[in-house]
Amino acid sequence: QSLNVMLEKRPTNYVLDADIKGFFDHINHDWAVRFIESRIKDPNI
């Protein structure tokens, strides 16, 4: 529904349809932890 508004009601002329290769299999653990640490510094979590 949100995409439909963007395509019909907004001045859309081009669409980038993207897909990430093996996303869940290639999540970098260090980056994931760093992202979580941006809001949680509890060492137990």
All heavy atoms as atom14 arrays in JSON, in Angstrom:
{
  "sequence": "QSLNVMLEKRPTNYVLDADIKGFFDHINHDWAVRFIESRIKDPNI",
  "atom14_mask": [
    [1, 1, 1, 1, 1, 1, 1, 1, 1, 0, 0, 0, 0, 0],
    [1, 1, 1, 1, 1, 1, 0, 0, 0, 0, 0, 0, 0, 0],
    [1, 1, 1, 1, 1, 1, 1, 1, 0, 0, 0, 0, 0, 0],
    [1, 1, 1, 1, 1, 1, 1, 1, 0, 0, 0, 0, 0, 0],
    [1, 1, 1, 1, 1, 1, 1, 0, 0, 0, 0, 0, 0, 0],
    [1, 1, 1, 1, 1, 1, 1, 1, 0, 0, 0, 0, 0, 0],
    [1, 1, 1, 1, 1, 1, 1, 1, 0, 0, 0, 0, 0, 0],
    [1, 1, 1, 1, 1, 1, 1, 1, 1, 0, 0, 0, 0, 0],
    [1, 1, 1, 1, 1, 1, 1, 1, 1, 0, 0, 0, 0, 0],
    [1, 1, 1, 1, 1, 1, 1, 1, 1, 1, 1, 0, 0, 0],
    [1, 1, 1, 1, 1, 1, 1, 0, 0, 0, 0, 0, 0, 0],
    [1, 1, 1, 1, 1, 1, 1, 0, 0, 0, 0, 0, 0, 0],
    [1, 1, 1, 1, 1, 1, 1, 1, 0, 0, 0, 0, 0, 0],
    [1, 1, 1, 1, 1, 1, 1, 1, 1, 1, 1, 1, 0, 0],
    [1, 1, 1, 1, 1, 1, 1, 0, 0, 0, 0, 0, 0, 0],
    [1, 1, 1, 1, 1, 1, 1, 1, 0, 0, 0, 0, 0, 0],
    [1, 1, 1, 1, 1, 1, 1, 1, 0, 0, 0, 0, 0, 0],
    [1, 1, 1, 1, 1, 0, 0, 0, 0, 0, 0, 0, 0, 0],
    [1, 1, 1, 1, 1, 1, 1, 1, 0, 0, 0, 0, 0, 0],
    [1, 1, 1, 1, 1, 1, 1, 1, 0, 0, 0, 0, 0, 0],
    [1, 1, 1, 1, 1, 1, 1, 1, 1, 0, 0, 0, 0, 0],
    [1, 1, 1, 1, 0, 0, 0, 0, 0, 0, 0, 0, 0, 0],
    [1, 1, 1, 1, 1, 1, 1, 1, 1, 1, 1, 0, 0, 0],
    [1, 1, 1, 1, 1, 1, 1, 1, 1, 1, 1, 0, 0, 0],
    [1, 1, 1, 1, 1, 1, 1, 1, 0, 0, 0, 0, 0, 0],
    [1, 1, 1, 1, 1, 1, 1, 1, 1, 1, 0, 0, 0, 0],
    [1, 1, 1, 1, 1, 1, 1, 1, 0, 0, 0, 0, 0, 0],
    [1, 1, 1, 1, 1, 1, 1, 1, 0, 0, 0, 0, 0, 0],
    [1, 1, 1, 1, 1, 1, 1, 1, 1, 1, 0, 0, 0, 0],
    [1, 1, 1, 1, 1, 1, 1, 1, 0, 0, 0, 0, 0, 0],
    [1, 1, 1, 1, 1, 1, 1, 1, 1, 1, 1, 1, 1, 1],
    [1, 1, 1, 1, 1, 0, 0, 0, 0, 0, 0, 0, 0, 0],
    [1, 1, 1, 1, 1, 1, 1, 0, 0, 0, 0, 0, 0, 0],
    [1, 1, 1, 1, 1, 1, 1, 1, 1, 1, 1, 0, 0, 0],
    [1, 1, 1, 1, 1, 1, 1, 1, 1, 1, 1, 0, 0, 0],
    [1, 1, 1, 1, 1, 1, 1, 1, 0, 0, 0, 0, 0, 0],
    [1, 1, 1, 1, 1, 1, 1, 1, 1, 0, 0, 0, 0, 0],
    [1, 1, 1, 1, 1, 1, 0, 0, 0, 0, 0, 0, 0, 0],
    [1, 1, 1, 1, 1, 1, 1, 1, 1, 1, 1, 0, 0, 0],
    [1, 1, 1, 1, 1, 1, 1, 1, 0, 0, 0, 0, 0, 0],
    [1, 1, 1, 1, 1, 1, 1, 1, 1, 0, 0, 0, 0, 0],
    [1, 1, 1, 1, 1, 1, 1, 1, 0, 0, 0, 0, 0, 0],
    [1, 1, 1, 1, 1, 1, 1, 0, 0, 0, 0, 0, 0, 0],
    [1, 1, 1, 1, 1, 1, 1, 1, 0, 0, 0, 0, 0, 0],
    [1, 1, 1, 1, 1, 1, 1, 1, 0, 0, 0, 0, 0, 0]
  ],
  "atom14_positions": [
    [[0.83, -1.2, 0.0], [0.0, 0.0, 0.0], [0.87, 1.26, 0.0], [0.58, 2.22, -0.73], [-0.93, -0.01, 1.21], [-2.07, -1.02, 1.12], [-2.87, -1.13, 2.4], [-2.38, -0.83, 3.49], [-4.12, -1.55, 2.3], [0.0, 0.0, 0.0], [0.0, 0.0, 0.0], [0.0, 0.0, 0.0], [0.0, 0.0, 0.0], [0.0, 0.0, 0.0]],
    [[1.91, 1.26, 0.81], [2.83, 2.39, 0.86], [3.53, 2.58, -0.48], [3.65, 3.71, -0.98], [3.86, 2.18, 1.97], [4.82, 3.21, 2.0], [0.0, 0.0, 0.0], [0.0, 0.0, 0.0], [0.0, 0.0, 0.0], [0.0, 0.0, 0.0], [0.0, 0.0, 0.0], [0.0, 0.0, 0.0], [0.0, 0.0, 0.0], [0.0, 0.0, 0.0]],
    [[3.99, 1.49, -1.08], [4.64, 1.55, -2.38], [3.69, 2.06, -3.45], [4.08, 2.85, -4.33], [5.17, 0.16, -2.75], [5.83, 0.02, -4.13], [7.04, 0.93, -4.26], [6.23, -1.43, -4.39], [0.0, 0.0, 0.0], [0.0, 0.0, 0.0], [0.0, 0.0, 0.0], [0.0, 0.0, 0.0], [0.0, 0.0, 0.0], [0.0, 0.0, 0.0]],
    [[2.43, 1.65, -3.37], [1.45, 2.09, -4.36], [1.26, 3.6, -4.35], [1.12, 4.23, -5.41], [0.11, 1.4, -4.1], [-0.85, 1.54, -5.27], [-0.62, 1.0, -6.34], [-1.93, 2.29, -5.06], [0.0, 0.0, 0.0], [0.0, 0.0, 0.0], [0.0, 0.0, 0.0], [0.0, 0.0, 0.0], [0.0, 0.0, 0.0], [0.0, 0.0, 0.0]],
    [[1.26, 4.19, -3.17], [1.17, 5.66, -3.05], [2.37, 6.3, -3.72], [2.24, 7.29, -4.46], [1.07, 6.08, -1.57], [1.19, 7.6, -1.44], [-0.23, 5.6, -0.95], [0.0, 0.0, 0.0], [0.0, 0.0, 0.0], [0.0, 0.0, 0.0], [0.0, 0.0, 0.0], [0.0, 0.0, 0.0], [0.0, 0.0, 0.0], [0.0, 0.0, 0.0]],
    [[3.56, 5.77, -3.5], [4.77, 6.31, -4.09], [4.74, 6.24, -5.61], [5.25, 7.12, -6.3], [5.99, 5.56, -3.55], [6.26, 5.83, -2.07], [7.26, 4.54, -1.25], [8.63, 4.37, -2.38], [0.0, 0.0, 0.0], [0.0, 0.0, 0.0], [0.0, 0.0, 0.0], [0.0, 0.0, 0.0], [0.0, 0.0, 0.0], [0.0, 0.0, 0.0]],
    [[4.16, 5.18, -6.15], [4.15, 4.97, -7.6], [3.04, 5.76, -8.3], [3.23, 6.23, -9.44], [3.98, 3.48, -7.91], [5.11, 2.56, -7.43], [4.73, 1.1, -7.65], [6.42, 2.86, -8.15], [0.0, 0.0, 0.0], [0.0, 0.0, 0.0], [0.0, 0.0, 0.0], [0.0, 0.0, 0.0], [0.0, 0.0, 0.0], [0.0, 0.0, 0.0]],
    [[1.89, 5.92, -7.64], [0.75, 6.56, -8.28], [0.59, 8.04, -7.92], [0.19, 8.84, -8.78], [-0.55, 5.82, -7.93], [-0.68, 4.46, -8.58], [-2.07, 3.87, -8.41], [-2.94, 4.51, -7.79], [-2.27, 2.75, -8.89], [0.0, 0.0, 0.0], [0.0, 0.0, 0.0], [0.0, 0.0, 0.0], [0.0, 0.0, 0.0], [0.0, 0.0, 0.0]],
    [[0.88, 8.38, -6.67], [0.6, 9.73, -6.19], [1.82, 10.64, -6.16], [1.68, 11.84, -5.95], [-0.01, 9.67, -4.79], [-1.26, 8.78, -4.68], [-2.39, 9.27, -5.55], [-3.64, 8.4, -5.37], [-4.75, 8.83, -6.26], [0.0, 0.0, 0.0], [0.0, 0.0, 0.0], [0.0, 0.0, 0.0], [0.0, 0.0, 0.0], [0.0, 0.0, 0.0]],
    [[3.01, 10.07, -6.3], [4.23, 10.87, -6.26], [4.86, 10.9, -7.65], [4.57, 10.05, -8.48], [5.21, 10.27, -5.24], [4.63, 10.12, -3.83], [4.41, 11.46, -3.15], [3.94, 11.28, -1.77], [2.65, 11.29, -1.42], [1.73, 11.51, -2.36], [2.29, 11.11, -0.17], [0.0, 0.0, 0.0], [0.0, 0.0, 0.0], [0.0, 0.0, 0.0]],
    [[5.74, 11.88, -7.89], [6.34, 12.01, -9.24], [7.43, 10.97, -9.51], [8.59, 11.31, -9.77], [6.9, 13.43, -9.23], [7.2, 13.71, -7.8], [6.13, 13.0, -7.02], [0.0, 0.0, 0.0], [0.0, 0.0, 0.0], [0.0, 0.0, 0.0], [0.0, 0.0, 0.0], [0.0, 0.0, 0.0], [0.0, 0.0, 0.0], [0.0, 0.0, 0.0]],
    [[7.07, 9.7, -9.45], [8.02, 8.61, -9.67], [8.19, 8.35, -11.16], [7.21, 8.17, -11.88], [7.55, 7.33, -8.97], [7.61, 7.52, -7.55], [8.42, 6.14, -9.36], [0.0, 0.0, 0.0], [0.0, 0.0, 0.0], [0.0, 0.0, 0.0], [0.0, 0.0, 0.0], [0.0, 0.0, 0.0], [0.0, 0.0, 0.0], [0.0, 0.0, 0.0]],
    [[9.43, 8.31, -11.62], [9.75, 8.0, -13.01], [10.71, 6.82, -13.14], [10.8, 6.22, -14.22], [10.37, 9.21, -13.7], [9.37, 10.34, -13.89], [8.28, 10.15, -14.41], [9.73, 11.53, -13.42], [0.0, 0.0, 0.0], [0.0, 0.0, 0.0], [0.0, 0.0, 0.0], [0.0, 0.0, 0.0], [0.0, 0.0, 0.0], [0.0, 0.0, 0.0]],
    [[11.4, 6.49, -12.05], [12.37, 5.41, -12.08], [12.26, 4.59, -10.79], [11.98, 5.13, -9.71], [13.8, 5.94, -12.24], [14.0, 6.67, -13.54], [13.77, 8.05, -13.62], [14.39, 6.0, -14.68], [13.92, 8.73, -14.82], [14.55, 6.67, -15.89], [14.31, 8.02, -15.95], [14.46, 8.68, -17.14], [0.0, 0.0, 0.0], [0.0, 0.0, 0.0]],
    [[12.49, 3.3, -10.92], [12.41, 2.39, -9.77], [13.68, 1.55, -9.72], [14.08, 0.95, -10.72], [11.18, 1.46, -9.87], [11.28, 0.32, -8.86], [9.89, 2.24, -9.62], [0.0, 0.0, 0.0], [0.0, 0.0, 0.0], [0.0, 0.0, 0.0], [0.0, 0.0, 0.0], [0.0, 0.0, 0.0], [0.0, 0.0, 0.0], [0.0, 0.0, 0.0]],
    [[14.3, 1.53, -8.55], [15.42, 0.62, -8.28], [14.88, -0.54, -7.47], [14.53, -0.39, -6.3], [16.54, 1.34, -7.53], [17.75, 0.46, -7.13], [18.47, -0.08, -8.35], [18.72, 1.23, -6.23], [0.0, 0.0, 0.0], [0.0, 0.0, 0.0], [0.0, 0.0, 0.0], [0.0, 0.0, 0.0], [0.0, 0.0, 0.0], [0.0, 0.0, 0.0]],
    [[14.79, -1.68, -8.11], [14.33, -2.91, -7.46], [15.57, -3.69, -7.04], [16.32, -4.18, -7.88], [13.49, -3.72, -8.45], [13.09, -5.08, -7.91], [13.02, -5.24, -6.68], [12.84, -5.99, -8.73], [0.0, 0.0, 0.0], [0.0, 0.0, 0.0], [0.0, 0.0, 0.0], [0.0, 0.0, 0.0], [0.0, 0.0, 0.0], [0.0, 0.0, 0.0]],
    [[15.82, -3.77, -5.73], [17.08, -4.32, -5.23], [16.87, -5.55, -4.37], [15.85, -5.71, -3.71], [17.84, -3.25, -4.43], [0.0, 0.0, 0.0], [0.0, 0.0, 0.0], [0.0, 0.0, 0.0], [0.0, 0.0, 0.0], [0.0, 0.0, 0.0], [0.0, 0.0, 0.0], [0.0, 0.0, 0.0], [0.0, 0.0, 0.0], [0.0, 0.0, 0.0]],
    [[17.88, -6.4, -4.37], [17.87, -7.62, -3.55], [19.28, -7.87, -3.05], [20.24, -7.82, -3.81], [17.38, -8.81, -4.38], [17.22, -10.07, -3.53], [16.17, -10.22, -2.91], [18.13, -10.88, -3.49], [0.0, 0.0, 0.0], [0.0, 0.0, 0.0], [0.0, 0.0, 0.0], [0.0, 0.0, 0.0], [0.0, 0.0, 0.0], [0.0, 0.0, 0.0]],
    [[19.42, -8.12, -1.76], [20.72, -8.37, -1.15], [21.01, -9.86, -1.2], [20.2, -10.69, -0.8], [20.77, -7.85, 0.3], [20.47, -6.35, 0.33], [22.13, -8.13, 0.92], [20.34, -5.8, 1.74], [0.0, 0.0, 0.0], [0.0, 0.0, 0.0], [0.0, 0.0, 0.0], [0.0, 0.0, 0.0], [0.0, 0.0, 0.0], [0.0, 0.0, 0.0]],
    [[22.19, -10.21, -1.66], [22.59, -11.62, -1.8], [22.85, -12.24, -0.43], [23.72, -11.78, 0.32], [23.84, -11.71, -2.68], [24.27, -13.12, -3.02], [25.46, -13.12, -3.97], [25.88, -14.53, -4.36], [27.02, -14.5, -5.31], [0.0, 0.0, 0.0], [0.0, 0.0, 0.0], [0.0, 0.0, 0.0], [0.0, 0.0, 0.0], [0.0, 0.0, 0.0]],
    [[22.05, -13.28, -0.12], [22.26, -14.03, 1.13], [22.35, -13.16, 2.36], [23.26, -13.32, 3.19], [0.0, 0.0, 0.0], [0.0, 0.0, 0.0], [0.0, 0.0, 0.0], [0.0, 0.0, 0.0], [0.0, 0.0, 0.0], [0.0, 0.0, 0.0], [0.0, 0.0, 0.0], [0.0, 0.0, 0.0], [0.0, 0.0, 0.0], [0.0, 0.0, 0.0]],
    [[21.39, -12.25, 2.52], [21.47, -11.25, 3.58], [21.65, -11.86, 4.96], [22.6, -11.54, 5.69], [20.21, -10.38, 3.55], [20.11, -9.42, 4.71], [20.96, -8.33, 4.78], [19.2, -9.62, 5.72], [20.88, -7.45, 5.86], [19.11, -8.74, 6.8], [19.95, -7.66, 6.86], [0.0, 0.0, 0.0], [0.0, 0.0, 0.0], [0.0, 0.0, 0.0]],
    [[20.76, -12.76, 5.36], [20.82, -13.33, 6.71], [22.11, -14.13, 6.93], [22.62, -14.18, 8.06], [19.61, -14.23, 6.96], [18.34, -13.46, 7.23], [17.5, -13.1, 6.2], [18.01, -13.09, 8.52], [16.33, -12.39, 6.45], [16.85, -12.38, 8.78], [16.01, -12.02, 7.74], [0.0, 0.0, 0.0], [0.0, 0.0, 0.0], [0.0, 0.0, 0.0]],
    [[22.65, -14.71, 5.87], [23.86, -15.53, 5.99], [25.13, -14.71, 6.06], [26.2, -15.24, 6.38], [23.96, -16.52, 4.81], [22.81, -17.52, 4.8], [22.31, -17.84, 5.89], [22.42, -17.97, 3.71], [0.0, 0.0, 0.0], [0.0, 0.0, 0.0], [0.0, 0.0, 0.0], [0.0, 0.0, 0.0], [0.0, 0.0, 0.0], [0.0, 0.0, 0.0]],
    [[25.04, -13.42, 5.74], [26.25, -12.6, 5.66], [26.22, -11.39, 6.58], [27.02, -10.46, 6.4], [26.49, -12.16, 4.21], [26.8, -13.29, 3.28], [25.87, -13.84, 2.43], [27.93, -14.0, 3.1], [26.41, -14.83, 1.76], [27.66, -14.96, 2.13], [0.0, 0.0, 0.0], [0.0, 0.0, 0.0], [0.0, 0.0, 0.0], [0.0, 0.0, 0.0]],
    [[25.34, -11.39, 7.55], [25.35, -10.32, 8.55], [26.68, -10.38, 9.3], [27.04, -11.41, 9.87], [24.17, -10.45, 9.52], [22.86, -10.08, 8.8], [24.35, -9.57, 10.75], [21.62, -10.28, 9.65], [0.0, 0.0, 0.0], [0.0, 0.0, 0.0], [0.0, 0.0, 0.0], [0.0, 0.0, 0.0], [0.0, 0.0, 0.0], [0.0, 0.0, 0.0]],
    [[27.41, -9.29, 9.29], [28.7, -9.21, 9.98], [28.48, -9.08, 11.48], [27.82, -8.14, 11.94], [29.51, -8.03, 9.44], [30.89, -7.93, 10.05], [31.06, -7.51, 11.2], [31.9, -8.33, 9.27], [0.0, 0.0, 0.0], [0.0, 0.0, 0.0], [0.0, 0.0, 0.0], [0.0, 0.0, 0.0], [0.0, 0.0, 0.0], [0.0, 0.0, 0.0]],
    [[29.0, -10.01, 12.25], [28.74, -10.04, 13.69], [29.27, -8.79, 14.4], [28.61, -8.23, 15.27], [29.36, -11.29, 14.31], [28.69, -12.56, 13.88], [29.15, -13.81, 14.24], [27.58, -12.76, 13.13], [28.35, -14.72, 13.72], [27.4, -14.12, 13.04], [0.0, 0.0, 0.0], [0.0, 0.0, 0.0], [0.0, 0.0, 0.0], [0.0, 0.0, 0.0]],
    [[30.47, -8.36, 14.02], [31.05, -7.18, 14.68], [30.22, -5.93, 14.42], [29.98, -5.13, 15.33], [32.49, -6.96, 14.22], [33.43, -8.05, 14.73], [33.13, -8.65, 15.79], [34.46, -8.32, 14.06], [0.0, 0.0, 0.0], [0.0, 0.0, 0.0], [0.0, 0.0, 0.0], [0.0, 0.0, 0.0], [0.0, 0.0, 0.0], [0.0, 0.0, 0.0]],
    [[29.78, -5.77, 13.17], [28.94, -4.61, 12.85], [27.59, -4.71, 13.57], [27.09, -3.7, 14.08], [28.71, -4.5, 11.34], [29.83, -3.82, 10.61], [30.64, -4.34, 9.65], [30.26, -2.47, 10.79], [31.54, -3.42, 9.2], [31.33, -2.24, 9.89], [29.85, -1.42, 11.62], [31.99, -1.02, 9.81], [30.5, -0.2, 11.53], [31.56, -0.01, 10.64]],
    [[27.0, -5.9, 13.6], [25.72, -6.08, 14.29], [25.83, -5.67, 15.76], [24.96, -4.97, 16.29], [25.24, -7.53, 14.17], [0.0, 0.0, 0.0], [0.0, 0.0, 0.0], [0.0, 0.0, 0.0], [0.0, 0.0, 0.0], [0.0, 0.0, 0.0], [0.0, 0.0, 0.0], [0.0, 0.0, 0.0], [0.0, 0.0, 0.0], [0.0, 0.0, 0.0]],
    [[26.89, -6.1, 16.41], [27.11, -5.76, 17.82], [27.33, -4.26, 17.98], [26.8, -3.63, 18.91], [28.29, -6.56, 18.4], [28.67, -6.04, 19.79], [27.93, -8.05, 18.48], [0.0, 0.0, 0.0], [0.0, 0.0, 0.0], [0.0, 0.0, 0.0], [0.0, 0.0, 0.0], [0.0, 0.0, 0.0], [0.0, 0.0, 0.0], [0.0, 0.0, 0.0]],
    [[28.11, -3.65, 17.09], [28.35, -2.21, 17.15], [27.06, -1.42, 17.01], [26.86, -0.42, 17.7], [29.37, -1.8, 16.09], [30.79, -2.22, 16.42], [31.75, -1.91, 15.3], [31.93, -0.47, 15.11], [32.77, 0.06, 14.22], [33.53, -0.74, 13.46], [32.89, 1.37, 14.09], [0.0, 0.0, 0.0], [0.0, 0.0, 0.0], [0.0, 0.0, 0.0]],
    [[26.2, -1.88, 16.11], [24.9, -1.2, 15.93], [24.06, -1.29, 17.2], [23.43, -0.31, 17.61], [24.14, -1.81, 14.75], [24.81, -1.6, 13.41], [24.66, -2.53, 12.4], [25.56, -0.46, 13.18], [25.25, -2.34, 11.16], [26.17, -0.26, 11.94], [26.02, -1.21, 10.93], [0.0, 0.0, 0.0], [0.0, 0.0, 0.0], [0.0, 0.0, 0.0]],
    [[24.03, -2.48, 17.81], [23.27, -2.65, 19.05], [23.87, -1.81, 20.17], [23.15, -1.2, 20.96], [23.21, -4.15, 19.43], [22.36, -4.92, 18.4], [22.62, -4.33, 20.83], [22.43, -6.42, 18.53], [0.0, 0.0, 0.0], [0.0, 0.0, 0.0], [0.0, 0.0, 0.0], [0.0, 0.0, 0.0], [0.0, 0.0, 0.0], [0.0, 0.0, 0.0]],
    [[25.21, -1.75, 20.22], [25.88, -0.96, 21.25], [25.64, 0.54, 21.12], [25.91, 1.29, 22.06], [27.38, -1.24, 21.22], [27.77, -2.6, 21.82], [29.26, -2.84, 21.76], [29.91, -2.38, 20.8], [29.78, -3.51, 22.68], [0.0, 0.0, 0.0], [0.0, 0.0, 0.0], [0.0, 0.0, 0.0], [0.0, 0.0, 0.0], [0.0, 0.0, 0.0]],
    [[25.14, 0.98, 19.98], [24.84, 2.4, 19.84], [23.74, 2.84, 20.78], [23.63, 4.03, 21.11], [24.44, 2.72, 18.39], [23.19, 2.1, 18.06], [0.0, 0.0, 0.0], [0.0, 0.0, 0.0], [0.0, 0.0, 0.0], [0.0, 0.0, 0.0], [0.0, 0.0, 0.0], [0.0, 0.0, 0.0], [0.0, 0.0, 0.0], [0.0, 0.0, 0.0]],
    [[22.9, 1.87, 21.25], [21.81, 2.21, 22.18], [21.8, 1.34, 23.44], [21.11, 1.66, 24.4], [20.45, 2.11, 21.48], [20.31, 3.11, 20.35], [18.88, 3.32, 19.94], [18.78, 4.3, 18.86], [18.76, 5.61, 19.04], [18.79, 6.09, 20.26], [18.68, 6.43, 18.02], [0.0, 0.0, 0.0], [0.0, 0.0, 0.0], [0.0, 0.0, 0.0]],
    [[22.56, 0.23, 23.42], [22.62, -0.65, 24.59], [24.07, -0.91, 24.94], [24.81, -1.53, 24.16], [21.88, -1.98, 24.33], [20.4, -1.73, 24.0], [21.98, -2.88, 25.56], [19.64, -2.99, 23.62], [0.0, 0.0, 0.0], [0.0, 0.0, 0.0], [0.0, 0.0, 0.0], [0.0, 0.0, 0.0], [0.0, 0.0, 0.0], [0.0, 0.0, 0.0]],
    [[24.48, -0.48, 26.14], [25.85, -0.69, 26.59], [25.93, -1.73, 27.71], [26.99, -1.94, 28.29], [26.45, 0.63, 27.1], [26.67, 1.69, 26.02], [27.8, 1.34, 25.09], [28.12, 2.51, 24.15], [29.2, 2.17, 23.2], [0.0, 0.0, 0.0], [0.0, 0.0, 0.0], [0.0, 0.0, 0.0], [0.0, 0.0, 0.0], [0.0, 0.0, 0.0]],
    [[24.79, -2.37, 28.0], [24.78, -3.37, 29.05], [25.6, -4.59, 28.6], [25.24, -5.26, 27.62], [23.33, -3.79, 29.35], [23.23, -4.7, 30.56], [24.14, -5.52, 30.79], [22.22, -4.62, 31.28], [0.0, 0.0, 0.0], [0.0, 0.0, 0.0], [0.0, 0.0, 0.0], [0.0, 0.0, 0.0], [0.0, 0.0, 0.0], [0.0, 0.0, 0.0]],
    [[26.69, -4.91, 29.29], [27.54, -6.03, 28.86], [26.83, -7.38, 28.87], [27.19, -8.27, 28.12], [28.7, -6.01, 29.86], [28.19, -5.24, 31.05], [27.22, -4.24, 30.5], [0.0, 0.0, 0.0], [0.0, 0.0, 0.0], [0.0, 0.0, 0.0], [0.0, 0.0, 0.0], [0.0, 0.0, 0.0], [0.0, 0.0, 0.0], [0.0, 0.0, 0.0]],
    [[25.8, -7.52, 29.72], [25.06, -8.78, 29.79], [24.25, -9.01, 28.51], [24.16, -10.14, 28.02], [24.13, -8.79, 31.01], [24.9, -8.75, 32.32], [25.82, -9.53, 32.53], [24.56, -7.81, 33.19], [0.0, 0.0, 0.0], [0.0, 0.0, 0.0], [0.0, 0.0, 0.0], [0.0, 0.0, 0.0], [0.0, 0.0, 0.0], [0.0, 0.0, 0.0]],
    [[23.66, -7.94, 27.98], [22.9, -8.04, 26.73], [23.85, -8.29, 25.57], [23.6, -9.16, 24.72], [22.07, -6.76, 26.48], [20.99, -6.6, 27.56], [21.46, -6.77, 25.09], [19.92, -7.67, 27.54], [0.0, 0.0, 0.0], [0.0, 0.0, 0.0], [0.0, 0.0, 0.0], [0.0, 0.0, 0.0], [0.0, 0.0, 0.0], [0.0, 0.0, 0.0]]
  ]
}
